[in-house]
Amino acid sequence: MGCAISGLATKSEFALKDGEEDAVAHPSEEQIQIIKDSWKVIRDDIAKVGIIMFVRVMSFIEKSVARLDQPERLEALAVELGKSHYHYNAPPKYYNYVGAEFICAVRPILKEKWTAELEEAWKATFQYVSSLMQQGYQEESLRQRNLTMSPKDRPDKRSTAL
């Protein structure tokens, strides 16, 4: 979501290598230890880690709200974000959780200003943006598959001659 390191965790880093079984192995003892050691450092600054993560999310929400009356710009923003989510293995099934958690977080802030109508408006907005992101994710997934196919196997390159 705009972070320079967003694309570093590419799908290929998390995909099984050729010949590996579908079952994913439990981390080794060494991996467990280094994870626990690194978590001690992360935990000491967990608020900063959380802030970095959620400032990125809130920045996207802010951009989306600013573009609500500019559908073409909102669509371009959300579709592009969906495409980038493909590259760091964040599939669409998780997108709606952000909206639900956002609503839970802002409801107490707005207190008596929070209404059922406002909640429905936020839900509809998140569902719309999530669907655009899903569209971008699917487009990028298809594009990546086409890049790995031989030209003769690509749907757009098949002969239509009788």
Protein backbone atom coordinates (compact mmCIF):
# COMPACT_ATOMS: atom_id res chain seq x y z
CA MET A 1 0.00 0.00 0.00
CA GLY A 2 2.58 2.45 -1.05
CA CYS A 3 5.41 1.09 1.06
CA ALA A 4 8.69 0.51 -0.72
CA ILE A 5 8.95 -2.98 0.70
CA SER A 6 5.40 -4.08 -0.13
CA GLY A 7 6.49 -6.13 -3.10
CA LEU A 8 9.35 -7.91 -1.38
CA ALA A 9 7.34 -10.89 -0.18
CA THR A 10 6.49 -12.22 -3.60
CA LYS A 11 4.31 -15.24 -4.24
CA SER A 12 7.32 -17.27 -5.38
CA GLU A 13 8.92 -16.89 -1.95
CA PHE A 14 5.97 -18.63 -0.33
CA ALA A 15 5.20 -21.13 -3.06
CA LEU A 16 6.30 -24.75 -2.78
CA LYS A 17 9.30 -25.61 -4.88
CA ASP A 18 9.04 -28.24 -7.62
CA GLY A 19 8.99 -31.72 -6.12
CA GLU A 20 7.93 -30.58 -2.66
CA GLU A 21 4.86 -32.19 -1.18
CA ASP A 22 1.70 -30.23 -0.58
CA ALA A 23 2.12 -30.53 3.19
CA VAL A 24 4.15 -27.68 4.63
CA ALA A 25 6.81 -28.67 7.14
CA HIS A 26 6.81 -27.39 10.69
CA PRO A 27 9.58 -24.84 11.31
CA SER A 28 12.88 -26.35 12.39
CA GLU A 29 14.19 -25.95 15.94
CA GLU A 30 16.65 -23.36 14.65
CA GLN A 31 13.87 -21.43 12.88
CA ILE A 32 11.72 -21.54 16.00
CA GLN A 33 14.55 -20.10 18.07
CA ILE A 34 15.35 -17.26 15.69
CA ILE A 35 11.65 -16.41 15.38
CA LYS A 36 11.34 -16.26 19.17
CA ASP A 37 14.50 -14.15 19.42
CA SER A 38 13.30 -11.72 16.76
CA TRP A 39 9.85 -11.55 18.38
CA LYS A 40 11.44 -10.31 21.61
CA VAL A 41 12.76 -7.30 19.69
CA ILE A 42 9.53 -6.79 17.74
CA ARG A 43 7.43 -7.08 20.91
CA ASP A 44 9.42 -4.28 22.54
CA ASP A 45 8.30 -2.00 19.73
CA ILE A 46 4.99 -3.64 18.85
CA ALA A 47 3.11 -0.36 18.83
CA LYS A 48 5.48 0.98 16.18
CA VAL A 49 5.05 -2.17 14.06
CA GLY A 50 1.27 -1.91 14.38
CA ILE A 51 1.31 1.78 13.59
CA ILE A 52 3.39 1.25 10.46
CA MET A 53 1.05 -1.49 9.25
CA PHE A 54 -2.16 0.34 9.96
CA VAL A 55 -1.02 3.77 8.82
CA ARG A 56 -0.61 2.15 5.42
CA VAL A 57 -4.16 0.78 5.60
CA MET A 58 -5.57 4.10 6.81
CA SER A 59 -3.70 5.96 4.08
CA PHE A 60 -5.42 3.80 1.47
CA ILE A 61 -8.81 4.36 3.13
CA GLU A 62 -8.17 8.10 3.12
CA LYS A 63 -7.28 8.04 -0.59
CA SER A 64 -10.38 5.95 -1.30
CA VAL A 65 -12.70 8.35 0.55
CA ALA A 66 -11.16 11.29 -1.32
CA ARG A 67 -11.93 9.54 -4.62
CA LEU A 68 -15.49 8.40 -3.86
CA ASP A 69 -16.89 11.12 -6.11
CA GLN A 70 -14.30 10.29 -8.80
CA PRO A 71 -15.15 6.67 -9.66
CA GLU A 72 -12.50 6.29 -12.36
CA ARG A 73 -9.71 7.35 -10.00
CA LEU A 74 -11.03 5.17 -7.17
CA GLU A 75 -11.27 2.19 -9.51
CA ALA A 76 -7.71 2.71 -10.76
CA LEU A 77 -6.39 3.00 -7.20
CA ALA A 78 -8.17 -0.10 -5.89
CA VAL A 79 -7.49 -2.27 -8.95
CA GLU A 80 -3.79 -1.37 -8.78
CA LEU A 81 -3.72 -2.23 -5.08
CA GLY A 82 -5.32 -5.58 -5.84
CA LYS A 83 -2.62 -6.26 -8.44
CA SER A 84 0.10 -5.48 -5.93
CA HIS A 85 -1.55 -7.76 -3.37
CA TYR A 86 -1.08 -10.64 -5.81
CA HIS A 87 2.68 -10.17 -5.60
CA TYR A 88 2.86 -10.39 -1.84
CA ASN A 89 0.46 -13.29 -1.51
CA ALA A 90 -2.50 -11.47 0.02
CA PRO A 91 -5.52 -13.14 -1.63
CA PRO A 92 -8.97 -11.54 -1.86
CA LYS A 93 -10.50 -13.76 0.82
CA TYR A 94 -8.87 -11.47 3.42
CA TYR A 95 -9.91 -8.08 2.03
CA ASN A 96 -13.30 -7.88 3.76
CA TYR A 97 -11.71 -8.35 7.18
CA VAL A 98 -10.15 -4.91 6.89
CA GLY A 99 -13.54 -3.26 6.49
CA ALA A 100 -15.03 -5.15 9.42
CA GLU A 101 -12.10 -4.25 11.68
CA PHE A 102 -12.19 -0.63 10.54
CA ILE A 103 -15.87 -0.39 11.46
CA CYS A 104 -15.17 -1.90 14.88
CA ALA A 105 -12.38 0.63 15.41
CA VAL A 106 -14.25 3.77 14.36
CA ARG A 107 -17.64 3.03 15.89
CA PRO A 108 -16.52 4.03 19.42
CA ILE A 109 -14.78 7.14 18.08
CA LEU A 110 -17.94 8.43 16.42
CA LYS A 111 -20.09 7.48 19.45
CA GLU A 112 -23.63 8.87 19.01
CA LYS A 113 -22.84 9.95 15.44
CA TRP A 114 -22.60 6.27 14.51
CA THR A 115 -25.87 5.11 12.95
CA ALA A 116 -27.10 2.01 11.16
CA GLU A 117 -27.19 4.09 7.97
CA LEU A 118 -23.55 5.12 8.41
CA GLU A 119 -22.53 1.54 9.11
CA GLU A 120 -24.27 0.36 5.93
CA ALA A 121 -22.56 3.12 3.94
CA TRP A 122 -19.13 2.04 5.21
CA LYS A 123 -19.91 -1.63 4.56
CA ALA A 124 -21.03 -0.86 1.01
CA THR A 125 -17.90 1.21 0.41
CA PHE A 126 -15.58 -1.50 1.69
CA GLN A 127 -17.42 -4.15 -0.32
CA TYR A 128 -17.10 -2.05 -3.46
CA VAL A 129 -13.40 -1.33 -2.93
CA SER A 130 -12.76 -4.98 -2.04
CA SER A 131 -14.44 -6.08 -5.26
CA LEU A 132 -12.21 -3.71 -7.25
CA MET A 133 -9.15 -5.05 -5.46
CA GLN A 134 -10.29 -8.58 -6.22
CA GLN A 135 -10.64 -7.62 -9.87
CA GLY A 136 -7.06 -6.32 -9.86
CA TYR A 137 -5.81 -9.45 -8.12
CA GLN A 138 -7.53 -11.67 -10.70
CA GLU A 139 -6.20 -9.59 -13.60
CA GLU A 140 -2.65 -9.87 -12.28
CA SER A 141 -3.06 -13.58 -11.61
CA LEU A 142 -4.18 -14.12 -15.20
CA ARG A 143 -1.38 -11.93 -16.52
CA GLN A 144 1.21 -13.90 -14.56
CA ARG A 145 -0.21 -17.22 -15.80
CA ASN A 146 -0.07 -15.97 -19.38
CA LEU A 147 3.55 -14.96 -18.91
CA THR A 148 4.44 -18.53 -17.95
CA MET A 149 2.46 -20.17 -20.79
CA SER A 150 3.96 -20.81 -24.17
CA PRO A 151 2.57 -18.46 -26.83
CA LYS A 152 0.66 -21.25 -28.59
CA ASP A 153 -1.17 -22.15 -25.35
CA ARG A 154 -2.30 -18.59 -24.57
CA PRO A 155 -6.05 -18.09 -25.07
CA ASP A 156 -5.46 -14.85 -26.97
CA LYS A 157 -3.02 -16.54 -29.37
CA ARG A 158 -5.09 -19.56 -30.43
CA SER A 159 -5.96 -19.86 -34.07
CA THR A 160 -9.59 -19.27 -34.88
CA ALA A 161 -9.23 -20.55 -38.44
CA LEU A 162 -11.64 -23.30 -39.46
